[in-house]
Amino acid sequence: MDIETQQQKRRDNNISSLNLAIDALNLAGGIVDIIPAKAVFGPVSVLLVMIRVGFPLIYYVDRLRAEIRPGFED
């Protein structure tokens, strides 16, 4: 199996897990009646969304770094 394919599958699994966790937190935030608990669900959900959005950015930045060949100029 190609290394890029393995990395893509791992990335897709991570994003899928984050989506599931975000959905679970949003559902729990709607169900729970305890005020301090509700105050926690919102920020944690936002944090997970920020992590999810950051994954593709990290992937492309790392890929660009790998393709840069120092010492050679066009």
N, C-alpha and C. Protein backbone atom coordinates (compact mmCIF):
# COMPACT_ATOMS: atom_id res chain seq x y z
N MET A 1 0.84 -1.17 0.00
CA MET A 1 0.00 0.00 0.00
C MET A 1 0.89 1.24 0.00
N ASP A 2 0.52 2.20 -0.75
CA ASP A 2 1.26 3.44 -0.89
C ASP A 2 1.25 4.23 0.43
N ILE A 3 2.36 4.86 0.74
CA ILE A 3 2.47 5.62 1.98
C ILE A 3 1.47 6.78 2.00
N GLU A 4 1.30 7.46 0.87
CA GLU A 4 0.35 8.57 0.81
C GLU A 4 -1.08 8.08 1.05
N THR A 5 -1.40 6.91 0.54
CA THR A 5 -2.73 6.35 0.75
C THR A 5 -2.95 6.04 2.21
N GLN A 6 -1.95 5.49 2.88
CA GLN A 6 -2.06 5.20 4.31
C GLN A 6 -2.23 6.48 5.11
N GLN A 7 -1.47 7.50 4.76
CA GLN A 7 -1.58 8.78 5.47
C GLN A 7 -2.96 9.40 5.25
N GLN A 8 -3.49 9.30 4.04
CA GLN A 8 -4.81 9.85 3.75
C GLN A 8 -5.88 9.12 4.54
N LYS A 9 -5.79 7.79 4.63
CA LYS A 9 -6.76 7.02 5.41
C LYS A 9 -6.69 7.39 6.88
N ARG A 10 -5.47 7.54 7.41
CA ARG A 10 -5.29 7.91 8.81
C ARG A 10 -5.87 9.30 9.06
N ARG A 11 -5.63 10.23 8.14
CA ARG A 11 -6.15 11.59 8.26
C ARG A 11 -7.68 11.57 8.22
N ASP A 12 -8.25 10.79 7.30
CA ASP A 12 -9.71 10.70 7.21
C ASP A 12 -10.30 10.11 8.48
N ASN A 13 -9.64 9.11 9.06
CA ASN A 13 -10.11 8.52 10.31
C ASN A 13 -10.06 9.53 11.45
N ASN A 14 -9.00 10.32 11.50
CA ASN A 14 -8.88 11.34 12.55
C ASN A 14 -9.97 12.40 12.42
N ILE A 15 -10.21 12.85 11.21
CA ILE A 15 -11.24 13.87 10.99
C ILE A 15 -12.62 13.30 11.30
N SER A 16 -12.85 12.06 10.93
CA SER A 16 -14.12 11.41 11.23
C SER A 16 -14.33 11.31 12.75
N SER A 17 -13.27 10.95 13.48
CA SER A 17 -13.36 10.87 14.94
C SER A 17 -13.64 12.24 15.55
N LEU A 18 -13.00 13.27 15.04
CA LEU A 18 -13.25 14.62 15.54
C LEU A 18 -14.70 15.04 15.26
N ASN A 19 -15.21 14.73 14.08
CA ASN A 19 -16.60 15.07 13.76
C ASN A 19 -17.56 14.37 14.72
N LEU A 20 -17.29 13.11 15.03
CA LEU A 20 -18.13 12.36 15.95
C LEU A 20 -18.09 12.97 17.34
N ALA A 21 -16.90 13.35 17.81
CA ALA A 21 -16.76 13.96 19.13
C ALA A 21 -17.48 15.31 19.18
N ILE A 22 -17.38 16.10 18.12
CA ILE A 22 -18.05 17.40 18.08
C ILE A 22 -19.56 17.22 18.12
N ASP A 23 -20.07 16.27 17.35
CA ASP A 23 -21.51 16.00 17.36
C ASP A 23 -21.98 15.52 18.72
N ALA A 24 -21.19 14.67 19.37
CA ALA A 24 -21.56 14.17 20.69
C ALA A 24 -21.58 15.30 21.72
N LEU A 25 -20.61 16.19 21.65
CA LEU A 25 -20.59 17.32 22.58
C LEU A 25 -21.77 18.26 22.35
N ASN A 26 -22.10 18.51 21.10
CA ASN A 26 -23.25 19.37 20.81
C ASN A 26 -24.54 18.74 21.30
N LEU A 27 -24.69 17.45 21.12
CA LEU A 27 -25.87 16.74 21.60
C LEU A 27 -25.93 16.77 23.13
N ALA A 28 -24.81 16.49 23.77
CA ALA A 28 -24.77 16.50 25.24
C ALA A 28 -25.06 17.89 25.78
N GLY A 29 -24.56 18.92 25.11
CA GLY A 29 -24.82 20.29 25.54
C GLY A 29 -26.30 20.64 25.47
N GLY A 30 -27.00 20.06 24.54
CA GLY A 30 -28.43 20.31 24.42
C GLY A 30 -29.27 19.53 25.41
N ILE A 31 -28.75 18.41 25.87
CA ILE A 31 -29.50 17.54 26.77
C ILE A 31 -29.29 17.91 28.24
N VAL A 32 -28.07 18.25 28.61
CA VAL A 32 -27.72 18.48 30.00
C VAL A 32 -28.39 19.75 30.52
N ASP A 33 -28.91 19.67 31.75
CA ASP A 33 -29.55 20.83 32.38
C ASP A 33 -28.67 21.51 33.41
N ILE A 34 -27.48 20.97 33.65
CA ILE A 34 -26.58 21.54 34.64
C ILE A 34 -25.82 22.70 33.98
N ILE A 35 -25.97 23.89 34.54
CA ILE A 35 -25.40 25.10 33.93
C ILE A 35 -23.88 25.03 33.79
N PRO A 36 -23.11 24.64 34.84
CA PRO A 36 -21.65 24.58 34.65
C PRO A 36 -21.22 23.59 33.57
N ALA A 37 -21.95 22.50 33.45
CA ALA A 37 -21.62 21.51 32.41
C ALA A 37 -21.88 22.09 31.03
N LYS A 38 -22.97 22.82 30.87
CA LYS A 38 -23.27 23.46 29.58
C LYS A 38 -22.19 24.46 29.21
N ALA A 39 -21.64 25.13 30.21
CA ALA A 39 -20.60 26.13 29.96
C ALA A 39 -19.32 25.49 29.43
N VAL A 40 -19.13 24.22 29.70
CA VAL A 40 -17.91 23.52 29.26
C VAL A 40 -18.07 22.97 27.84
N PHE A 41 -19.25 22.49 27.50
CA PHE A 41 -19.44 21.84 26.20
C PHE A 41 -19.17 22.77 25.02
N GLY A 42 -19.58 24.02 25.11
CA GLY A 42 -19.40 24.96 24.01
C GLY A 42 -17.94 25.21 23.65
N PRO A 43 -17.12 25.64 24.63
CA PRO A 43 -15.71 25.89 24.31
C PRO A 43 -14.95 24.64 23.85
N VAL A 44 -15.26 23.50 24.44
CA VAL A 44 -14.58 22.27 24.03
C VAL A 44 -14.94 21.92 22.59
N SER A 45 -16.19 22.11 22.24
CA SER A 45 -16.62 21.86 20.86
C SER A 45 -15.90 22.80 19.89
N VAL A 46 -15.78 24.07 20.27
CA VAL A 46 -15.08 25.04 19.43
C VAL A 46 -13.61 24.65 19.27
N LEU A 47 -13.00 24.21 20.36
CA LEU A 47 -11.60 23.78 20.31
C LEU A 47 -11.42 22.59 19.36
N LEU A 48 -12.32 21.63 19.41
CA LEU A 48 -12.23 20.47 18.52
C LEU A 48 -12.42 20.90 17.05
N VAL A 49 -13.29 21.85 16.81
CA VAL A 49 -13.48 22.34 15.44
C VAL A 49 -12.20 23.01 14.95
N MET A 50 -11.54 23.78 15.83
CA MET A 50 -10.29 24.42 15.44
C MET A 50 -9.22 23.39 15.12
N ILE A 51 -9.17 22.31 15.89
CA ILE A 51 -8.21 21.24 15.62
C ILE A 51 -8.53 20.58 14.29
N ARG A 52 -9.81 20.33 14.04
CA ARG A 52 -10.23 19.68 12.79
C ARG A 52 -9.86 20.53 11.58
N VAL A 53 -10.06 21.82 11.68
CA VAL A 53 -9.75 22.72 10.58
C VAL A 53 -8.24 22.82 10.38
N GLY A 54 -7.47 22.68 11.44
CA GLY A 54 -6.02 22.80 11.35
C GLY A 54 -5.34 21.62 10.69
N PHE A 55 -5.95 20.43 10.68
CA PHE A 55 -5.31 19.25 10.11
C PHE A 55 -4.93 19.42 8.64
N PRO A 56 -5.84 19.84 7.77
CA PRO A 56 -5.44 19.99 6.36
C PRO A 56 -4.34 21.03 6.18
N LEU A 57 -4.39 22.10 6.95
CA LEU A 57 -3.38 23.13 6.84
C LEU A 57 -2.00 22.57 7.20
N ILE A 58 -1.92 21.81 8.28
CA ILE A 58 -0.65 21.21 8.69
C ILE A 58 -0.15 20.26 7.61
N TYR A 59 -1.04 19.49 7.01
CA TYR A 59 -0.66 18.54 5.97
C TYR A 59 -0.01 19.26 4.79
N TYR A 60 -0.63 20.34 4.31
CA TYR A 60 -0.10 21.03 3.15
C TYR A 60 1.20 21.77 3.46
N VAL A 61 1.32 22.34 4.65
CA VAL A 61 2.56 23.02 5.02
C VAL A 61 3.70 22.01 5.09
N ASP A 62 3.47 20.86 5.71
CA ASP A 62 4.51 19.82 5.78
C ASP A 62 4.87 19.32 4.39
N ARG A 63 3.90 19.19 3.53
CA ARG A 63 4.16 18.72 2.18
C ARG A 63 5.00 19.74 1.40
N LEU A 64 4.69 21.01 1.57
CA LEU A 64 5.48 22.04 0.91
C LEU A 64 6.92 22.04 1.42
N ARG A 65 7.11 21.85 2.70
CA ARG A 65 8.46 21.78 3.26
C ARG A 65 9.24 20.62 2.68
N ALA A 66 8.56 19.49 2.47
CA ALA A 66 9.23 18.31 1.94
C ALA A 66 9.64 18.51 0.49
N GLU A 67 8.90 19.35 -0.24
CA GLU A 67 9.20 19.55 -1.65
C GLU A 67 10.23 20.66 -1.90
N ILE A 68 10.57 21.41 -0.87
CA ILE A 68 11.57 22.47 -1.03
C ILE A 68 12.96 21.82 -1.00
N ARG A 69 13.77 22.19 -1.96
CA ARG A 69 15.11 21.64 -2.04
C ARG A 69 16.10 22.79 -1.87
N PRO A 70 16.61 22.99 -0.66
CA PRO A 70 17.52 24.12 -0.46
C PRO A 70 18.82 23.96 -1.26
N GLY A 71 19.32 25.07 -1.73
CA GLY A 71 20.59 25.05 -2.47
C GLY A 71 20.41 25.07 -3.97
N PHE A 72 19.20 24.84 -4.44
CA PHE A 72 18.95 24.84 -5.87
C PHE A 72 18.05 26.01 -6.21
N GLU A 73 18.47 26.82 -7.16
CA GLU A 73 17.66 27.94 -7.58
C GLU A 73 17.24 27.76 -9.03
N ASP A 74 16.04 28.20 -9.33
CA ASP A 74 15.54 28.07 -10.71
C ASP A 74 16.19 29.07 -11.63
